[in-house]
């Protein structure tokens, strides 16, 4: 048994040849289960595929978590649309833009979207009216309300009560926006 501890001192997982009568496994923190008869077999590193790690499985989980979402952004300010679009595209999302609530409803009807980011103060059809219309027509839709107006706190709380999954007050950072988007998706 002397020298056995030093051989297992790393963090790699080792196991005996699969031809061994009993499975013998040792771990880098020197916890081990072993059978005295099996100690005569030679040790070898376990290939990654036999450790339960699959690169394909890992990448699929990452892709599923960070999958590209199709996001509809509704705001009447062109500068806000451009900045929000850049933030979302840099994170790998597909972005569709609309200048008001009516255009947003029309664009949502054209194709499925995973999320809507909607300003509350807009001409034509304002954000609260748009949220109500989206909820009536598409009850499962996920909406994040944004606002930078003076009365935005009260309006954001009303939007939250109407069923938005998140709210952001302008100005916001890319990190804040992407955190809300990740939470919503």
C-alpha atoms as a PDB file:
ATOM      1  CA  UNK A   1       0.000   0.000   0.000  1.00  0.00           C
ATOM      2  CA  UNK A   2       2.973   2.369   0.328  1.00  0.00           C
ATOM      3  CA  UNK A   3       3.173   4.787  -2.587  1.00  0.00           C
ATOM      4  CA  UNK A   4      -0.476   4.197  -3.412  1.00  0.00           C
ATOM      5  CA  UNK A   5      -1.524   7.584  -1.979  1.00  0.00           C
ATOM      6  CA  UNK A   6       1.068   9.499  -4.023  1.00  0.00           C
ATOM      7  CA  UNK A   7      -0.068   7.856  -7.228  1.00  0.00           C
ATOM      8  CA  UNK A   8      -3.612   9.106  -6.672  1.00  0.00           C
ATOM      9  CA  UNK A   9      -2.619  12.585  -5.514  1.00  0.00           C
ATOM     10  CA  UNK A  10      -3.842  14.516  -8.580  1.00  0.00           C
ATOM     11  CA  UNK A  11      -7.309  15.657  -9.477  1.00  0.00           C
ATOM     12  CA  UNK A  12      -7.701  13.187 -12.319  1.00  0.00           C
ATOM     13  CA  UNK A  13     -10.107  10.298 -11.912  1.00  0.00           C
ATOM     14  CA  UNK A  14      -8.628   6.832 -12.351  1.00  0.00           C
ATOM     15  CA  UNK A  15     -10.157   3.424 -12.672  1.00  0.00           C
ATOM     16  CA  UNK A  16      -8.883  -0.066 -13.299  1.00  0.00           C
ATOM     17  CA  UNK A  17      -9.114  -1.796 -16.639  1.00  0.00           C
ATOM     18  CA  UNK A  18     -12.719  -2.684 -17.455  1.00  0.00           C
ATOM     19  CA  UNK A  19     -11.718  -6.370 -17.482  1.00  0.00           C
ATOM     20  CA  UNK A  20     -11.307  -6.291 -13.693  1.00  0.00           C
ATOM     21  CA  UNK A  21     -13.706  -8.541 -11.785  1.00  0.00           C
ATOM     22  CA  UNK A  22     -14.750  -5.728  -9.433  1.00  0.00           C
ATOM     23  CA  UNK A  23     -14.897  -2.059 -10.240  1.00  0.00           C
ATOM     24  CA  UNK A  24     -12.196  -0.106  -8.465  1.00  0.00           C
ATOM     25  CA  UNK A  25     -12.294   3.663  -8.496  1.00  0.00           C
ATOM     26  CA  UNK A  26     -10.145   6.265  -6.807  1.00  0.00           C
ATOM     27  CA  UNK A  27     -10.483  10.036  -6.723  1.00  0.00           C
ATOM     28  CA  UNK A  28      -7.916  12.816  -6.430  1.00  0.00           C
ATOM     29  CA  UNK A  29      -8.969  13.743  -2.918  1.00  0.00           C
ATOM     30  CA  UNK A  30      -7.865  10.236  -1.885  1.00  0.00           C
ATOM     31  CA  UNK A  31     -11.349   8.967  -1.098  1.00  0.00           C
ATOM     32  CA  UNK A  32     -11.482   5.490  -2.489  1.00  0.00           C
ATOM     33  CA  UNK A  33     -13.492   2.340  -2.634  1.00  0.00           C
ATOM     34  CA  UNK A  34     -11.487  -0.719  -3.436  1.00  0.00           C
ATOM     35  CA  UNK A  35     -11.430  -4.445  -3.348  1.00  0.00           C
ATOM     36  CA  UNK A  36      -8.168  -5.985  -2.056  1.00  0.00           C
ATOM     37  CA  UNK A  37      -8.122  -8.528  -4.891  1.00  0.00           C
ATOM     38  CA  UNK A  38      -8.438  -5.840  -7.550  1.00  0.00           C
ATOM     39  CA  UNK A  39      -5.381  -3.849  -6.392  1.00  0.00           C
ATOM     40  CA  UNK A  40      -3.157  -6.007  -8.563  1.00  0.00           C
ATOM     41  CA  UNK A  41      -4.645  -4.519 -11.737  1.00  0.00           C
ATOM     42  CA  UNK A  42      -2.944  -1.582 -13.433  1.00  0.00           C
ATOM     43  CA  UNK A  43      -4.473   1.880 -13.176  1.00  0.00           C
ATOM     44  CA  UNK A  44      -5.247   4.018 -16.184  1.00  0.00           C
ATOM     45  CA  UNK A  45      -6.948   7.377 -16.776  1.00  0.00           C
ATOM     46  CA  UNK A  46     -10.624   7.253 -17.622  1.00  0.00           C
ATOM     47  CA  UNK A  47     -11.370   8.757 -21.046  1.00  0.00           C
ATOM     48  CA  UNK A  48     -13.571  11.886 -20.915  1.00  0.00           C
ATOM     49  CA  UNK A  49     -16.401  10.058 -22.641  1.00  0.00           C
ATOM     50  CA  UNK A  50     -16.524   7.537 -19.761  1.00  0.00           C
ATOM     51  CA  UNK A  51     -16.523  10.220 -17.045  1.00  0.00           C
ATOM     52  CA  UNK A  52     -20.035  11.318 -17.886  1.00  0.00           C
ATOM     53  CA  UNK A  53     -18.779  14.482 -19.604  1.00  0.00           C
ATOM     54  CA  UNK A  54     -19.975  14.973 -23.133  1.00  0.00           C
ATOM     55  CA  UNK A  55     -18.798  18.014 -25.075  1.00  0.00           C
ATOM     56  CA  UNK A  56     -21.837  17.777 -27.339  1.00  0.00           C
ATOM     57  CA  UNK A  57     -24.190  17.632 -24.351  1.00  0.00           C
ATOM     58  CA  UNK A  58     -22.437  20.568 -22.706  1.00  0.00           C
ATOM     59  CA  UNK A  59     -22.640  22.696 -25.855  1.00  0.00           C
ATOM     60  CA  UNK A  60     -26.312  21.830 -26.292  1.00  0.00           C
ATOM     61  CA  UNK A  61     -27.034  22.939 -22.712  1.00  0.00           C
ATOM     62  CA  UNK A  62     -25.129  26.197 -23.264  1.00  0.00           C
ATOM     63  CA  UNK A  63     -26.867  26.778 -26.593  1.00  0.00           C
ATOM     64  CA  UNK A  64     -30.250  26.103 -25.024  1.00  0.00           C
ATOM     65  CA  UNK A  65     -29.541  28.522 -22.185  1.00  0.00           C
ATOM     66  CA  UNK A  66     -28.086  31.210 -24.437  1.00  0.00           C
ATOM     67  CA  UNK A  67     -30.138  30.471 -27.524  1.00  0.00           C
ATOM     68  CA  UNK A  68     -30.764  33.335 -29.855  1.00  0.00           C
ATOM     69  CA  UNK A  69     -34.142  34.854 -29.076  1.00  0.00           C
ATOM     70  CA  UNK A  70     -36.298  36.863 -31.442  1.00  0.00           C
ATOM     71  CA  UNK A  71     -37.087  40.107 -29.623  1.00  0.00           C
ATOM     72  CA  UNK A  72     -39.507  42.846 -30.675  1.00  0.00           C
ATOM     73  CA  UNK A  73     -38.478  46.306 -29.428  1.00  0.00           C
ATOM     74  CA  UNK A  74     -41.175  49.006 -29.437  1.00  0.00           C
ATOM     75  CA  UNK A  75     -40.125  52.619 -28.785  1.00  0.00           C
ATOM     76  CA  UNK A  76     -40.896  55.959 -30.424  1.00  0.00           C
ATOM     77  CA  UNK A  77     -37.364  57.340 -29.911  1.00  0.00           C
ATOM     78  CA  UNK A  78     -35.054  56.270 -32.783  1.00  0.00           C
ATOM     79  CA  UNK A  79     -31.908  56.665 -30.626  1.00  0.00           C
ATOM     80  CA  UNK A  80     -33.288  54.268 -28.013  1.00  0.00           C
ATOM     81  CA  UNK A  81     -34.234  51.765 -30.713  1.00  0.00           C
ATOM     82  CA  UNK A  82     -30.702  51.836 -32.163  1.00  0.00           C
ATOM     83  CA  UNK A  83     -28.961  51.482 -28.777  1.00  0.00           C
ATOM     84  CA  UNK A  84     -31.243  48.690 -27.540  1.00  0.00           C
ATOM     85  CA  UNK A  85     -30.886  46.895 -30.878  1.00  0.00           C
ATOM     86  CA  UNK A  86     -27.073  47.043 -30.610  1.00  0.00           C
ATOM     87  CA  UNK A  87     -27.153  45.750 -27.024  1.00  0.00           C
ATOM     88  CA  UNK A  88     -29.370  42.807 -27.937  1.00  0.00           C
ATOM     89  CA  UNK A  89     -27.574  41.943 -31.194  1.00  0.00           C
ATOM     90  CA  UNK A  90     -24.219  41.948 -29.374  1.00  0.00           C
ATOM     91  CA  UNK A  91     -25.680  39.232 -27.137  1.00  0.00           C
ATOM     92  CA  UNK A  92     -26.690  37.213 -30.221  1.00  0.00           C
ATOM     93  CA  UNK A  93     -30.413  37.962 -30.353  1.00  0.00           C
ATOM     94  CA  UNK A  94     -32.496  38.612 -33.460  1.00  0.00           C
ATOM     95  CA  UNK A  95     -34.131  42.034 -33.116  1.00  0.00           C
ATOM     96  CA  UNK A  96     -37.218  43.485 -34.800  1.00  0.00           C
ATOM     97  CA  UNK A  97     -37.979  47.201 -34.314  1.00  0.00           C
ATOM     98  CA  UNK A  98     -41.285  49.097 -34.161  1.00  0.00           C
ATOM     99  CA  UNK A  99     -41.883  52.842 -33.686  1.00  0.00           C
ATOM    100  CA  UNK A 100     -45.212  52.628 -31.823  1.00  0.00           C
ATOM    101  CA  UNK A 101     -47.733  50.209 -30.348  1.00  0.00           C
ATOM    102  CA  UNK A 102     -49.764  49.768 -33.545  1.00  0.00           C
ATOM    103  CA  UNK A 103     -46.672  48.902 -35.587  1.00  0.00           C
ATOM    104  CA  UNK A 104     -45.538  46.598 -32.756  1.00  0.00           C
ATOM    105  CA  UNK A 105     -48.827  44.667 -32.857  1.00  0.00           C
ATOM    106  CA  UNK A 106     -48.595  44.384 -36.652  1.00  0.00           C
ATOM    107  CA  UNK A 107     -45.014  43.112 -36.492  1.00  0.00           C
ATOM    108  CA  UNK A 108     -45.846  40.619 -33.742  1.00  0.00           C
ATOM    109  CA  UNK A 109     -48.661  39.193 -35.863  1.00  0.00           C
ATOM    110  CA  UNK A 110     -46.212  38.714 -38.783  1.00  0.00           C
ATOM    111  CA  UNK A 111     -44.195  36.118 -36.929  1.00  0.00           C
ATOM    112  CA  UNK A 112     -43.495  34.647 -33.526  1.00  0.00           C
ATOM    113  CA  UNK A 113     -41.319  36.542 -31.053  1.00  0.00           C
ATOM    114  CA  UNK A 114     -39.877  35.230 -27.797  1.00  0.00           C
ATOM    115  CA  UNK A 115     -40.024  38.579 -26.006  1.00  0.00           C
ATOM    116  CA  UNK A 116     -41.306  42.141 -26.385  1.00  0.00           C
ATOM    117  CA  UNK A 117     -39.540  45.192 -24.951  1.00  0.00           C
ATOM    118  CA  UNK A 118     -42.036  48.045 -24.934  1.00  0.00           C
ATOM    119  CA  UNK A 119     -41.734  51.730 -24.018  1.00  0.00           C
ATOM    120  CA  UNK A 120     -44.694  53.085 -22.061  1.00  0.00           C
ATOM    121  CA  UNK A 121     -44.974  56.633 -23.440  1.00  0.00           C
ATOM    122  CA  UNK A 122     -45.544  56.627 -27.222  1.00  0.00           C
ATOM    123  CA  UNK A 123     -47.883  58.293 -29.734  1.00  0.00           C
ATOM    124  CA  UNK A 124     -50.604  56.371 -31.581  1.00  0.00           C
ATOM    125  CA  UNK A 125     -50.959  53.458 -29.162  1.00  0.00           C
ATOM    126  CA  UNK A 126     -49.075  54.016 -25.912  1.00  0.00           C
ATOM    127  CA  UNK A 127     -47.258  51.278 -24.015  1.00  0.00           C
ATOM    128  CA  UNK A 128     -49.978  50.438 -21.495  1.00  0.00           C
ATOM    129  CA  UNK A 129     -52.603  50.194 -24.236  1.00  0.00           C
ATOM    130  CA  UNK A 130     -50.196  48.052 -26.287  1.00  0.00           C
ATOM    131  CA  UNK A 131     -49.568  45.739 -23.308  1.00  0.00           C
ATOM    132  CA  UNK A 132     -53.329  45.338 -22.816  1.00  0.00           C
ATOM    133  CA  UNK A 133     -53.784  44.602 -26.538  1.00  0.00           C
ATOM    134  CA  UNK A 134     -50.913  42.065 -26.515  1.00  0.00           C
ATOM    135  CA  UNK A 135     -52.336  40.358 -23.405  1.00  0.00           C
ATOM    136  CA  UNK A 136     -55.802  40.191 -24.943  1.00  0.00           C
ATOM    137  CA  UNK A 137     -54.613  38.770 -28.266  1.00  0.00           C
ATOM    138  CA  UNK A 138     -51.517  36.796 -27.126  1.00  0.00           C
ATOM    139  CA  UNK A 139     -51.921  35.914 -23.413  1.00  0.00           C
ATOM    140  CA  UNK A 140     -48.653  33.923 -23.273  1.00  0.00           C
ATOM    141  CA  UNK A 141     -46.433  36.752 -24.579  1.00  0.00           C
ATOM    142  CA  UNK A 142     -43.532  37.899 -22.388  1.00  0.00           C
ATOM    143  CA  UNK A 143     -43.154  41.683 -22.115  1.00  0.00           C
ATOM    144  CA  UNK A 144     -40.531  43.907 -20.505  1.00  0.00           C
ATOM    145  CA  UNK A 145     -41.740  47.494 -19.982  1.00  0.00           C
ATOM    146  CA  UNK A 146     -39.267  50.376 -20.211  1.00  0.00           C
ATOM    147  CA  UNK A 147     -39.786  54.064 -19.462  1.00  0.00           C
ATOM    148  CA  UNK A 148     -37.790  57.218 -18.877  1.00  0.00           C
ATOM    149  CA  UNK A 149     -40.594  59.684 -18.200  1.00  0.00           C
ATOM    150  CA  UNK A 150     -41.068  61.652 -14.989  1.00  0.00           C
ATOM    151  CA  UNK A 151     -44.028  59.542 -13.914  1.00  0.00           C
ATOM    152  CA  UNK A 152     -42.338  56.333 -14.977  1.00  0.00           C
ATOM    153  CA  UNK A 153     -42.282  54.699 -11.517  1.00  0.00           C
ATOM    154  CA  UNK A 154     -46.067  54.723 -11.286  1.00  0.00           C
ATOM    155  CA  UNK A 155     -46.458  53.649 -14.903  1.00  0.00           C
ATOM    156  CA  UNK A 156     -43.937  50.805 -14.517  1.00  0.00           C
ATOM    157  CA  UNK A 157     -45.827  49.492 -11.493  1.00  0.00           C
ATOM    158  CA  UNK A 158     -49.081  49.605 -13.499  1.00  0.00           C
ATOM    159  CA  UNK A 159     -47.330  47.734 -16.327  1.00  0.00           C
ATOM    160  CA  UNK A 160     -46.122  45.132 -13.832  1.00  0.00           C
ATOM    161  CA  UNK A 161     -49.699  44.652 -12.619  1.00  0.00           C
ATOM    162  CA  UNK A 162     -50.779  44.190 -16.241  1.00  0.00           C
ATOM    163  CA  UNK A 163     -48.498  41.150 -16.465  1.00  0.00           C
ATOM    164  CA  UNK A 164     -45.086  42.276 -17.687  1.00  0.00           C
ATOM    165  CA  UNK A 165     -42.248  39.930 -16.729  1.00  0.00           C
ATOM    166  CA  UNK A 166     -39.869  42.806 -16.025  1.00  0.00           C
ATOM    167  CA  UNK A 167     -39.486  46.576 -15.948  1.00  0.00           C
ATOM    168  CA  UNK A 168     -36.551  48.910 -16.588  1.00  0.00           C
ATOM    169  CA  UNK A 169     -36.244  52.624 -16.042  1.00  0.00           C
ATOM    170  CA  UNK A 170     -34.278  54.616 -18.636  1.00  0.00           C
ATOM    171  CA  UNK A 171     -31.404  55.137 -18.794  1.00  0.00           C
ATOM    172  CA  UNK A 172     -30.261  51.539 -18.240  1.00  0.00           C
ATOM    173  CA  UNK A 173     -27.004  49.727 -18.931  1.00  0.00           C
ATOM    174  CA  UNK A 174     -26.468  46.832 -21.294  1.00  0.00           C
ATOM    175  CA  UNK A 175     -25.898  44.571 -18.270  1.00  0.00           C
ATOM    176  CA  UNK A 176     -29.236  45.561 -16.734  1.00  0.00           C
ATOM    177  CA  UNK A 177     -31.078  45.033 -20.023  1.00  0.00           C
ATOM    178  CA  UNK A 178     -29.467  41.670 -20.730  1.00  0.00           C
ATOM    179  CA  UNK A 179     -30.118  40.506 -17.149  1.00  0.00           C
ATOM    180  CA  UNK A 180     -33.833  41.316 -17.549  1.00  0.00           C
ATOM    181  CA  UNK A 181     -33.916  39.593 -20.939  1.00  0.00           C
ATOM    182  CA  UNK A 182     -32.240  36.466 -19.556  1.00  0.00           C
ATOM    183  CA  UNK A 183     -34.654  36.408 -16.626  1.00  0.00           C
ATOM    184  CA  UNK A 184     -37.624  36.763 -18.980  1.00  0.00           C
ATOM    185  CA  UNK A 185     -36.507  34.046 -21.375  1.00  0.00           C
END
